[in-house]
Amino acid sequence: EMYATGLILESNVLLGYGDGPNVFAEDKAVFYIDGDWRVSAFSAVPDGLMTPEKQEKITLTVLPDFAGQVGPSGSTSFVASTGLGMKAGLSQEKAEAAWKLISFYVGPIAANKRLLGGSLKPPSLANLDISDIEMPPLDRKLFTFYAPHPPTLILDAVIPADGVQRINTGLQELALGDITPEKLAAEIEAAVASVR
């Protein structure tokens, strides 16, 4: 339907992954779909693709709900990351030392330093106070984005690579009219089943 109405042009689905942000930043597209990691392409100072004034006019949102979706309403894609842990059953002294080390790496002070250095993106530390921190408008919007949008695992985290690849190429074929939705769905299911 998005292709039929012209909301997405056939030529747009053939863009390289790195070209999308430029097309959006140059006002050649009315929307851009990608992950939160792409915000820095637009907001990085001083090399970002958008001025702060232009960033103020951008809204971060999720796709609307659709019939048969998996995951909560209004959710956003998410992937669990690595973190630090501590061995159970340590002595009090060793446990305190371990927590001190963990806090050094991921606690509020370290998170604030990473944030100011541009390497911390939410939801790394949801309770970080950013009210007094100077940052580009899109980065600030990103910090408030997650509270109303519960996480749903991103496809790459739950579907084998062959299935994800078939989705990516299949969406292009679908836009170009080279495959039906039913045939594409069957091929994706077959690709996933072949590696499980």
N, C-alpha and C. Protein backbone atom coordinates (compact mmCIF):
# COMPACT_ATOMS: atom_id res chain seq x y z
N GLU A 1 0.82 -1.20 0.00
CA GLU A 1 0.00 0.00 0.00
C GLU A 1 0.87 1.26 0.00
N MET A 2 1.98 1.25 0.76
CA MET A 2 2.85 2.43 0.79
C MET A 2 3.48 2.68 -0.58
N TYR A 3 3.73 1.61 -1.33
CA TYR A 3 4.29 1.77 -2.66
C TYR A 3 3.22 2.25 -3.63
N ALA A 4 2.02 1.67 -3.52
CA ALA A 4 0.93 2.02 -4.43
C ALA A 4 0.53 3.48 -4.30
N THR A 5 0.56 4.01 -3.09
CA THR A 5 0.16 5.41 -2.88
C THR A 5 1.29 6.39 -3.16
N GLY A 6 2.49 5.89 -3.37
CA GLY A 6 3.62 6.77 -3.63
C GLY A 6 4.32 7.27 -2.38
N LEU A 7 3.91 6.77 -1.21
CA LEU A 7 4.56 7.17 0.04
C LEU A 7 6.02 6.74 0.03
N ILE A 8 6.28 5.57 -0.52
CA ILE A 8 7.65 5.11 -0.73
C ILE A 8 7.82 4.89 -2.23
N LEU A 9 8.80 5.54 -2.82
CA LEU A 9 9.05 5.40 -4.25
C LEU A 9 9.92 4.18 -4.51
N GLU A 10 9.73 3.58 -5.67
CA GLU A 10 10.54 2.41 -6.04
C GLU A 10 12.03 2.74 -5.98
N SER A 11 12.40 3.93 -6.42
CA SER A 11 13.82 4.30 -6.44
C SER A 11 14.40 4.37 -5.03
N ASN A 12 13.58 4.71 -4.04
CA ASN A 12 14.08 4.82 -2.67
C ASN A 12 14.50 3.49 -2.08
N VAL A 13 13.84 2.42 -2.47
CA VAL A 13 14.19 1.12 -1.88
C VAL A 13 15.51 0.58 -2.43
N LEU A 14 16.01 1.20 -3.47
CA LEU A 14 17.27 0.76 -4.05
C LEU A 14 18.46 1.58 -3.55
N LEU A 15 18.20 2.54 -2.65
CA LEU A 15 19.28 3.34 -2.07
C LEU A 15 20.19 2.46 -1.23
N GLY A 16 21.46 2.79 -1.22
CA GLY A 16 22.38 2.12 -0.31
C GLY A 16 22.08 2.54 1.11
N TYR A 17 22.43 1.69 2.07
CA TYR A 17 22.13 1.97 3.48
C TYR A 17 22.69 3.32 3.93
N GLY A 18 23.87 3.66 3.49
CA GLY A 18 24.49 4.92 3.90
C GLY A 18 23.92 6.15 3.24
N ASP A 19 23.11 5.98 2.19
CA ASP A 19 22.55 7.13 1.48
C ASP A 19 21.28 7.68 2.10
N GLY A 20 20.55 6.85 2.84
CA GLY A 20 19.27 7.26 3.40
C GLY A 20 19.31 8.51 4.26
N PRO A 21 20.25 8.61 5.22
CA PRO A 21 20.29 9.81 6.05
C PRO A 21 20.46 11.10 5.25
N ASN A 22 21.30 11.05 4.21
CA ASN A 22 21.51 12.25 3.39
C ASN A 22 20.24 12.65 2.66
N VAL A 23 19.54 11.68 2.11
CA VAL A 23 18.30 11.96 1.39
C VAL A 23 17.30 12.64 2.32
N PHE A 24 17.17 12.13 3.54
CA PHE A 24 16.25 12.73 4.50
C PHE A 24 16.72 14.11 4.94
N ALA A 25 17.99 14.25 5.24
CA ALA A 25 18.52 15.54 5.71
C ALA A 25 18.41 16.63 4.65
N GLU A 26 18.45 16.23 3.38
CA GLU A 26 18.35 17.19 2.29
C GLU A 26 16.91 17.45 1.87
N ASP A 27 15.95 17.01 2.69
CA ASP A 27 14.51 17.22 2.43
C ASP A 27 14.03 16.56 1.14
N LYS A 28 14.67 15.46 0.77
CA LYS A 28 14.24 14.71 -0.41
C LYS A 28 13.36 13.53 -0.01
N ALA A 29 13.11 13.39 1.29
CA ALA A 29 12.21 12.35 1.82
C ALA A 29 11.49 12.94 3.02
N VAL A 30 10.20 12.61 3.16
CA VAL A 30 9.42 13.18 4.26
C VAL A 30 9.55 12.37 5.55
N PHE A 31 10.08 11.16 5.45
CA PHE A 31 10.33 10.36 6.65
C PHE A 31 11.54 9.47 6.42
N TYR A 32 12.07 8.96 7.53
CA TYR A 32 13.24 8.09 7.47
C TYR A 32 13.05 7.01 8.52
N ILE A 33 13.19 5.76 8.14
CA ILE A 33 13.01 4.64 9.07
C ILE A 33 14.36 3.98 9.31
N ASP A 34 14.77 3.95 10.58
CA ASP A 34 16.02 3.29 10.96
C ASP A 34 16.05 3.17 12.47
N GLY A 35 17.14 2.72 13.00
CA GLY A 35 17.28 2.55 14.44
C GLY A 35 17.80 3.79 15.14
N ASP A 36 17.73 3.77 16.45
CA ASP A 36 18.16 4.93 17.24
C ASP A 36 19.63 5.28 17.04
N TRP A 37 20.42 4.31 16.65
CA TRP A 37 21.85 4.56 16.43
C TRP A 37 22.08 5.57 15.32
N ARG A 38 21.09 5.78 14.45
CA ARG A 38 21.25 6.71 13.34
C ARG A 38 21.06 8.17 13.74
N VAL A 39 20.53 8.41 14.94
CA VAL A 39 20.33 9.79 15.38
C VAL A 39 21.64 10.57 15.32
N SER A 40 22.74 9.92 15.67
CA SER A 40 24.02 10.63 15.68
C SER A 40 24.44 11.10 14.29
N ALA A 41 23.97 10.45 13.24
CA ALA A 41 24.28 10.91 11.88
C ALA A 41 23.71 12.31 11.65
N PHE A 42 22.58 12.58 12.25
CA PHE A 42 21.92 13.86 12.06
C PHE A 42 22.38 14.90 13.08
N SER A 43 22.73 14.45 14.28
CA SER A 43 22.95 15.40 15.37
C SER A 43 24.40 15.60 15.79
N ALA A 44 25.30 14.76 15.31
CA ALA A 44 26.70 14.86 15.76
C ALA A 44 27.24 16.27 15.52
N VAL A 45 27.90 16.79 16.52
CA VAL A 45 28.45 18.14 16.40
C VAL A 45 29.95 18.02 16.16
N PRO A 46 30.56 18.69 15.21
CA PRO A 46 29.95 19.63 14.28
C PRO A 46 29.58 19.01 12.93
N ASP A 47 29.73 17.70 12.78
CA ASP A 47 29.58 17.08 11.47
C ASP A 47 28.19 16.52 11.18
N GLY A 48 27.21 16.80 12.01
CA GLY A 48 25.87 16.26 11.81
C GLY A 48 25.25 16.77 10.53
N LEU A 49 24.31 16.01 10.03
CA LEU A 49 23.65 16.35 8.77
C LEU A 49 22.56 17.42 8.92
N MET A 50 22.17 17.72 10.16
CA MET A 50 21.10 18.69 10.39
C MET A 50 21.50 19.74 11.42
N THR A 51 21.08 20.95 11.18
CA THR A 51 21.31 22.01 12.16
C THR A 51 20.41 21.76 13.36
N PRO A 52 20.75 22.33 14.51
CA PRO A 52 19.87 22.20 15.68
C PRO A 52 18.45 22.69 15.40
N GLU A 53 18.32 23.74 14.62
CA GLU A 53 16.99 24.27 14.29
C GLU A 53 16.17 23.25 13.51
N LYS A 54 16.81 22.58 12.59
CA LYS A 54 16.12 21.57 11.80
C LYS A 54 15.78 20.35 12.66
N GLN A 55 16.69 19.99 13.58
CA GLN A 55 16.44 18.86 14.48
C GLN A 55 15.21 19.10 15.35
N GLU A 56 14.97 20.35 15.72
CA GLU A 56 13.80 20.68 16.56
C GLU A 56 12.50 20.29 15.86
N LYS A 57 12.50 20.28 14.53
CA LYS A 57 11.28 20.00 13.76
C LYS A 57 11.07 18.51 13.50
N ILE A 58 12.01 17.67 13.92
CA ILE A 58 11.93 16.23 13.68
C ILE A 58 11.26 15.54 14.86
N THR A 59 10.42 14.57 14.56
CA THR A 59 9.76 13.77 15.59
C THR A 59 10.27 12.34 15.50
N LEU A 60 10.62 11.77 16.63
CA LEU A 60 10.98 10.35 16.70
C LEU A 60 9.72 9.59 17.09
N THR A 61 9.40 8.54 16.36
CA THR A 61 8.17 7.80 16.64
C THR A 61 8.34 6.33 16.27
N VAL A 62 7.30 5.55 16.47
CA VAL A 62 7.29 4.14 16.09
C VAL A 62 6.26 3.93 15.00
N LEU A 63 6.37 2.81 14.31
CA LEU A 63 5.37 2.48 13.29
C LEU A 63 4.04 2.17 13.97
N PRO A 64 2.93 2.41 13.30
CA PRO A 64 1.63 2.10 13.91
C PRO A 64 1.44 0.60 14.10
N ASP A 65 0.57 0.24 15.03
CA ASP A 65 0.24 -1.16 15.24
C ASP A 65 -0.40 -1.75 13.98
N PHE A 66 -0.26 -3.05 13.80
CA PHE A 66 -0.92 -3.72 12.68
C PHE A 66 -1.40 -5.08 13.15
N ALA A 67 -2.38 -5.61 12.44
CA ALA A 67 -2.98 -6.90 12.81
C ALA A 67 -1.93 -8.00 12.81
N GLY A 68 -1.93 -8.79 13.86
CA GLY A 68 -1.03 -9.93 13.96
C GLY A 68 0.38 -9.61 14.42
N GLN A 69 0.62 -8.38 14.81
CA GLN A 69 1.98 -8.04 15.24
C GLN A 69 2.38 -8.80 16.49
N VAL A 70 3.66 -9.01 16.64
CA VAL A 70 4.20 -9.63 17.84
C VAL A 70 4.86 -8.50 18.63
N GLY A 71 4.55 -8.42 19.90
CA GLY A 71 5.12 -7.35 20.71
C GLY A 71 4.04 -6.39 21.15
N PRO A 72 4.33 -5.62 22.18
CA PRO A 72 3.33 -4.71 22.72
C PRO A 72 3.02 -3.53 21.80
N SER A 73 1.85 -2.96 21.98
CA SER A 73 1.43 -1.80 21.22
C SER A 73 2.39 -0.64 21.47
N GLY A 74 2.74 0.08 20.41
CA GLY A 74 3.60 1.24 20.54
C GLY A 74 5.05 0.92 20.85
N SER A 75 5.46 -0.32 20.62
CA SER A 75 6.81 -0.73 21.00
C SER A 75 7.85 -0.31 19.96
N THR A 76 9.09 -0.35 20.37
CA THR A 76 10.21 -0.04 19.50
C THR A 76 11.19 -1.21 19.53
N SER A 77 11.94 -1.37 18.46
CA SER A 77 12.88 -2.49 18.41
C SER A 77 14.02 -2.28 19.39
N PHE A 78 14.54 -3.38 19.87
CA PHE A 78 15.52 -3.36 20.94
C PHE A 78 16.38 -4.60 20.83
N VAL A 79 17.62 -4.50 21.20
CA VAL A 79 18.46 -5.69 21.27
C VAL A 79 19.23 -5.64 22.59
N ALA A 80 19.20 -6.76 23.28
CA ALA A 80 19.94 -6.84 24.54
C ALA A 80 21.42 -6.75 24.23
N SER A 81 22.13 -6.07 25.06
CA SER A 81 23.56 -5.88 24.85
C SER A 81 24.35 -6.60 25.93
N THR A 82 25.63 -6.49 25.82
CA THR A 82 26.48 -7.09 26.84
C THR A 82 26.55 -6.17 28.05
N GLY A 83 26.91 -6.73 29.16
CA GLY A 83 27.03 -5.95 30.38
C GLY A 83 28.01 -6.62 31.32
N LEU A 84 28.17 -6.04 32.47
CA LEU A 84 29.06 -6.61 33.48
C LEU A 84 28.23 -7.36 34.50
N GLY A 85 28.77 -8.43 35.02
CA GLY A 85 28.10 -9.21 36.04
C GLY A 85 29.07 -9.54 37.16
N MET A 86 28.53 -10.15 38.18
CA MET A 86 29.34 -10.47 39.34
C MET A 86 29.04 -11.91 39.75
N LYS A 87 30.05 -12.63 40.13
CA LYS A 87 29.91 -14.01 40.58
C LYS A 87 29.11 -14.06 41.88
N ALA A 88 28.23 -15.02 41.99
CA ALA A 88 27.46 -15.21 43.22
C ALA A 88 28.33 -15.84 44.30
N GLY A 89 27.98 -15.59 45.54
CA GLY A 89 28.64 -16.25 46.65
C GLY A 89 29.98 -15.67 47.05
N LEU A 90 30.26 -14.45 46.65
CA LEU A 90 31.53 -13.82 47.03
C LEU A 90 31.49 -13.39 48.50
N SER A 91 32.64 -13.28 49.09
CA SER A 91 32.72 -12.73 50.45
C SER A 91 32.26 -11.27 50.40
N GLN A 92 31.89 -10.74 51.53
CA GLN A 92 31.44 -9.35 51.62
C GLN A 92 32.47 -8.40 51.03
N GLU A 93 33.72 -8.61 51.37
CA GLU A 93 34.80 -7.73 50.90
C GLU A 93 34.93 -7.79 49.37
N LYS A 94 34.91 -9.00 48.82
CA LYS A 94 35.03 -9.16 47.37
C LYS A 94 33.78 -8.64 46.65
N ALA A 95 32.61 -8.85 47.23
CA ALA A 95 31.37 -8.36 46.63
C ALA A 95 31.39 -6.83 46.56
N GLU A 96 31.82 -6.19 47.62
CA GLU A 96 31.89 -4.72 47.63
C GLU A 96 32.89 -4.23 46.58
N ALA A 97 34.02 -4.91 46.46
CA ALA A 97 35.01 -4.53 45.45
C ALA A 97 34.46 -4.72 44.04
N ALA A 98 33.73 -5.81 43.83
CA ALA A 98 33.14 -6.08 42.51
C ALA A 98 32.11 -5.01 42.16
N TRP A 99 31.24 -4.67 43.11
CA TRP A 99 30.23 -3.63 42.85
C TRP A 99 30.89 -2.29 42.58
N LYS A 100 31.97 -2.00 43.27
CA LYS A 100 32.70 -0.75 43.05
C LYS A 100 33.25 -0.71 41.62
N LEU A 101 33.81 -1.83 41.16
CA LEU A 101 34.34 -1.91 39.80
C LEU A 101 33.21 -1.76 38.77
N ILE A 102 32.11 -2.46 38.99
CA ILE A 102 30.98 -2.37 38.07
C ILE A 102 30.46 -0.94 38.01
N SER A 103 30.33 -0.30 39.17
CA SER A 103 29.86 1.09 39.22
C SER A 103 30.82 2.02 38.49
N PHE A 104 32.12 1.73 38.60
CA PHE A 104 33.11 2.54 37.90
C PHE A 104 32.85 2.52 36.39
N TYR A 105 32.50 1.35 35.86
CA TYR A 105 32.27 1.21 34.42
C TYR A 105 30.89 1.68 33.96
N VAL A 106 29.86 1.43 34.76
CA VAL A 106 28.50 1.69 34.27
C VAL A 106 27.66 2.58 35.18
N GLY A 107 28.20 3.06 36.27
CA GLY A 107 27.44 3.90 37.19
C GLY A 107 27.18 5.29 36.63
N PRO A 108 26.46 6.10 37.38
CA PRO A 108 26.07 7.45 36.92
C PRO A 108 27.25 8.34 36.54
N ILE A 109 28.34 8.30 37.29
CA ILE A 109 29.49 9.16 36.97
C ILE A 109 30.11 8.75 35.64
N ALA A 110 30.33 7.45 35.46
CA ALA A 110 30.90 6.97 34.20
C ALA A 110 29.94 7.22 33.04
N ALA A 111 28.65 7.00 33.27
CA ALA A 111 27.66 7.23 32.21
C ALA A 111 27.64 8.69 31.80
N ASN A 112 27.74 9.59 32.77
CA ASN A 112 27.75 11.01 32.47
C ASN A 112 28.97 11.38 31.63
N LYS A 113 30.12 10.80 31.95
CA LYS A 113 31.33 11.07 31.16
C LYS A 113 31.17 10.55 29.73
N ARG A 114 30.60 9.36 29.57
CA ARG A 114 30.38 8.82 28.22
C ARG A 114 29.36 9.67 27.47
N LEU A 115 28.35 10.14 28.17
CA LEU A 115 27.34 10.99 27.54
C LEU A 115 27.98 12.27 27.03
N LEU A 116 28.76 12.93 27.86
CA LEU A 116 29.41 14.17 27.45
C LEU A 116 30.41 13.94 26.33
N GLY A 117 30.98 12.75 26.27
CA GLY A 117 31.92 12.41 25.21
C GLY A 117 31.23 11.93 23.94
N GLY A 118 29.92 11.79 23.98
CA GLY A 118 29.16 11.40 22.80
C GLY A 118 29.04 9.91 22.57
N SER A 119 29.50 9.09 23.51
CA SER A 119 29.46 7.64 23.27
C SER A 119 28.33 6.93 24.00
N LEU A 120 27.55 7.62 24.79
CA LEU A 120 26.44 6.98 25.50
C LEU A 120 25.13 7.36 24.85
N LYS A 121 24.38 6.37 24.45
CA LYS A 121 23.04 6.59 23.90
C LYS A 121 22.06 5.82 24.76
N PRO A 122 20.86 6.33 24.92
CA PRO A 122 19.85 5.59 25.69
C PRO A 122 19.50 4.31 24.94
N PRO A 123 18.95 3.33 25.59
CA PRO A 123 18.55 3.31 27.00
C PRO A 123 19.64 2.81 27.92
N SER A 124 20.89 3.14 27.65
CA SER A 124 22.00 2.65 28.47
C SER A 124 21.79 2.91 29.96
N LEU A 125 21.30 4.06 30.29
CA LEU A 125 21.03 4.37 31.69
C LEU A 125 19.81 5.28 31.73
N ALA A 126 18.65 4.69 31.92
CA ALA A 126 17.39 5.42 31.80
C ALA A 126 17.20 6.48 32.87
N ASN A 127 17.83 6.34 34.02
CA ASN A 127 17.60 7.30 35.09
C ASN A 127 18.68 8.38 35.16
N LEU A 128 19.41 8.59 34.10
CA LEU A 128 20.45 9.61 34.05
C LEU A 128 19.79 10.98 33.91
N ASP A 129 20.15 11.91 34.78
CA ASP A 129 19.60 13.27 34.73
C ASP A 129 20.34 14.05 33.65
N ILE A 130 19.62 14.41 32.59
CA ILE A 130 20.23 15.14 31.48
C ILE A 130 19.80 16.59 31.44
N SER A 131 19.06 17.05 32.45
CA SER A 131 18.48 18.39 32.41
C SER A 131 19.53 19.49 32.26
N ASP A 132 20.71 19.33 32.84
CA ASP A 132 21.74 20.36 32.78
C ASP A 132 22.82 20.07 31.75
N ILE A 133 22.61 19.06 30.92
CA ILE A 133 23.63 18.67 29.95
C ILE A 133 23.28 19.26 28.59
N GLU A 134 24.26 19.93 27.99
CA GLU A 134 24.05 20.50 26.67
C GLU A 134 24.21 19.40 25.64
N MET A 135 23.20 19.25 24.79
CA MET A 135 23.26 18.22 23.74
C MET A 135 22.35 18.64 22.60
N PRO A 136 22.57 18.11 21.41
CA PRO A 136 21.73 18.44 20.26
C PRO A 136 20.27 18.03 20.52
N PRO A 137 19.32 18.74 19.89
CA PRO A 137 17.90 18.45 20.11
C PRO A 137 17.50 17.00 19.85
N LEU A 138 18.01 16.38 18.79
CA LEU A 138 17.62 14.99 18.50
C LEU A 138 18.13 14.03 19.57
N ASP A 139 19.31 14.28 20.11
CA ASP A 139 19.82 13.44 21.20
C ASP A 139 18.92 13.56 22.42
N ARG A 140 18.50 14.78 22.73
CA ARG A 140 17.61 15.00 23.88
C ARG A 140 16.27 14.28 23.65
N LYS A 141 15.76 14.36 22.43
CA LYS A 141 14.50 13.66 22.11
C LYS A 141 14.67 12.16 22.26
N LEU A 142 15.83 11.65 21.91
CA LEU A 142 16.08 10.22 22.01
C LEU A 142 16.04 9.76 23.46
N PHE A 143 16.52 10.58 24.39
CA PHE A 143 16.50 10.20 25.80
C PHE A 143 15.08 10.12 26.35
N THR A 144 14.14 10.87 25.78
CA THR A 144 12.75 10.82 26.26
C THR A 144 11.90 9.85 25.43
N PHE A 145 12.45 9.30 24.38
CA PHE A 145 11.71 8.43 23.47
C PHE A 145 11.32 7.09 24.09
N TYR A 146 12.18 6.52 24.91
CA TYR A 146 11.98 5.14 25.35
C TYR A 146 10.92 4.95 26.41
N ALA A 147 10.69 5.93 27.27
CA ALA A 147 9.73 5.75 28.36
C ALA A 147 8.34 5.33 27.87
N PRO A 148 7.77 5.97 26.85
CA PRO A 148 6.43 5.55 26.40
C PRO A 148 6.43 4.40 25.39
N HIS A 149 7.61 3.92 25.00
CA HIS A 149 7.70 2.88 23.96
C HIS A 149 8.41 1.64 24.50
N PRO A 150 7.66 0.62 24.91
CA PRO A 150 8.28 -0.59 25.45
C PRO A 150 9.10 -1.31 24.38
N PRO A 151 10.11 -2.07 24.80
CA PRO A 151 10.98 -2.74 23.83
C PRO A 151 10.39 -4.03 23.27
N THR A 152 10.70 -4.28 22.02
CA THR A 152 10.43 -5.55 21.35
C THR A 152 11.74 -5.96 20.68
N LEU A 153 12.12 -7.20 20.81
CA LEU A 153 13.39 -7.63 20.22
C LEU A 153 13.43 -7.35 18.73
N ILE A 154 14.54 -6.82 18.28
CA ILE A 154 14.74 -6.53 16.86
C ILE A 154 14.86 -7.85 16.09
N LEU A 155 14.40 -7.85 14.86
CA LEU A 155 14.41 -9.08 14.05
C LEU A 155 15.77 -9.75 14.02
N ASP A 156 16.82 -8.96 13.87
CA ASP A 156 18.17 -9.52 13.78
C ASP A 156 18.53 -10.36 15.00
N ALA A 157 17.89 -10.08 16.14
CA ALA A 157 18.22 -10.79 17.37
C ALA A 157 17.48 -12.11 17.51
N VAL A 158 16.41 -12.30 16.75
CA VAL A 158 15.60 -13.51 16.91
C VAL A 158 15.44 -14.33 15.63
N ILE A 159 15.79 -13.78 14.50
CA ILE A 159 15.68 -14.49 13.22
C ILE A 159 17.09 -14.73 12.69
N PRO A 160 17.38 -15.94 12.24
CA PRO A 160 18.71 -16.22 11.68
C PRO A 160 19.03 -15.31 10.49
N ALA A 161 20.31 -15.15 10.22
CA ALA A 161 20.79 -14.23 9.19
C ALA A 161 20.15 -14.49 7.82
N ASP A 162 19.94 -15.75 7.46
CA ASP A 162 19.32 -16.05 6.16
C ASP A 162 17.92 -15.46 6.07
N GLY A 163 17.17 -15.52 7.16
CA GLY A 163 15.83 -14.96 7.17
C GLY A 163 15.84 -13.45 7.08
N VAL A 164 16.75 -12.81 7.80
CA VAL A 164 16.87 -11.34 7.75
C VAL A 164 17.28 -10.90 6.35
N GLN A 165 18.21 -11.60 5.75
CA GLN A 165 18.64 -11.26 4.40
C GLN A 165 17.48 -11.38 3.42
N ARG A 166 16.66 -12.43 3.59
CA ARG A 166 15.53 -12.60 2.68
C ARG A 166 14.51 -11.49 2.88
N ILE A 167 14.33 -11.03 4.12
CA ILE A 167 13.44 -9.90 4.37
C ILE A 167 13.96 -8.65 3.65
N ASN A 168 15.24 -8.36 3.81
CA ASN A 168 15.81 -7.15 3.21
C ASN A 168 15.69 -7.14 1.69
N THR A 169 16.09 -8.23 1.06
CA THR A 169 16.00 -8.26 -0.41
C THR A 169 14.55 -8.39 -0.85
N GLY A 170 13.75 -9.11 -0.07
CA GLY A 170 12.35 -9.30 -0.43
C GLY A 170 11.55 -8.01 -0.40
N LEU A 171 11.83 -7.13 0.54
CA LEU A 171 11.11 -5.85 0.59
C LEU A 171 11.40 -5.02 -0.65
N GLN A 172 12.63 -5.09 -1.14
CA GLN A 172 12.95 -4.40 -2.39
C GLN A 172 12.19 -5.03 -3.55
N GLU A 173 12.17 -6.34 -3.62
CA GLU A 173 11.44 -7.03 -4.69
C GLU A 173 9.95 -6.70 -4.63
N LEU A 174 9.42 -6.63 -3.43
CA LEU A 174 8.01 -6.31 -3.23
C LEU A 174 7.70 -4.91 -3.77
N ALA A 175 8.56 -3.96 -3.45
CA ALA A 175 8.37 -2.58 -3.92
C ALA A 175 8.43 -2.48 -5.43
N LEU A 176 9.25 -3.31 -6.04
CA LEU A 176 9.40 -3.28 -7.49
C LEU A 176 8.36 -4.13 -8.20
N GLY A 177 7.51 -4.81 -7.43
CA GLY A 177 6.47 -5.64 -8.03
C GLY A 177 6.98 -6.98 -8.53
N ASP A 178 8.15 -7.39 -8.07
CA ASP A 178 8.75 -8.64 -8.54
C ASP A 178 8.33 -9.86 -7.75
N ILE A 179 7.57 -9.68 -6.66
CA ILE A 179 7.14 -10.80 -5.83
C ILE A 179 5.85 -10.41 -5.12
N THR A 180 5.03 -11.39 -4.81
CA THR A 180 3.80 -11.11 -4.05
C THR A 180 4.11 -11.20 -2.55
N PRO A 181 3.32 -10.53 -1.73
CA PRO A 181 3.53 -10.63 -0.28
C PRO A 181 3.46 -12.07 0.22
N GLU A 182 2.55 -12.85 -0.34
CA GLU A 182 2.38 -14.24 0.09
C GLU A 182 3.61 -15.08 -0.23
N LYS A 183 4.13 -14.91 -1.44
CA LYS A 183 5.32 -15.67 -1.84
C LYS A 183 6.52 -15.26 -0.99
N LEU A 184 6.66 -13.96 -0.75
CA LEU A 184 7.78 -13.49 0.07
C LEU A 184 7.67 -14.05 1.49
N ALA A 185 6.48 -14.03 2.06
CA ALA A 185 6.29 -14.56 3.42
C ALA A 185 6.69 -16.03 3.47
N ALA A 186 6.29 -16.80 2.46
CA ALA A 186 6.63 -18.23 2.43
C ALA A 186 8.15 -18.42 2.32
N GLU A 187 8.81 -17.60 1.53
CA GLU A 187 10.26 -17.71 1.37
C GLU A 187 11.00 -17.33 2.66
N ILE A 188 10.50 -16.31 3.35
CA ILE A 188 11.12 -15.92 4.62
C ILE A 188 10.97 -17.04 5.64
N GLU A 189 9.76 -17.61 5.72
CA GLU A 189 9.53 -18.72 6.66
C GLU A 189 10.43 -19.91 6.33
N ALA A 190 10.61 -20.18 5.03
CA ALA A 190 11.48 -21.29 4.62
C ALA A 190 12.94 -21.01 4.98
N ALA A 191 13.37 -19.77 4.79
CA ALA A 191 14.76 -19.41 5.12
C ALA A 191 15.02 -19.54 6.61
N VAL A 192 14.05 -19.13 7.41
CA VAL A 192 14.20 -19.24 8.86
C VAL A 192 14.18 -20.70 9.29
N ALA A 193 13.26 -21.48 8.73
CA ALA A 193 13.14 -22.89 9.10
C ALA A 193 14.38 -23.69 8.71
N SER A 194 15.05 -23.30 7.63
CA SER A 194 16.20 -24.06 7.15
C SER A 194 17.40 -24.00 8.08
N VAL A 195 17.45 -23.01 8.94
CA VAL A 195 18.60 -22.88 9.84
C VAL A 195 18.24 -23.15 11.30
N ARG A 196 17.01 -23.49 11.57
CA ARG A 196 16.60 -23.78 12.96
C ARG A 196 16.70 -25.25 13.25
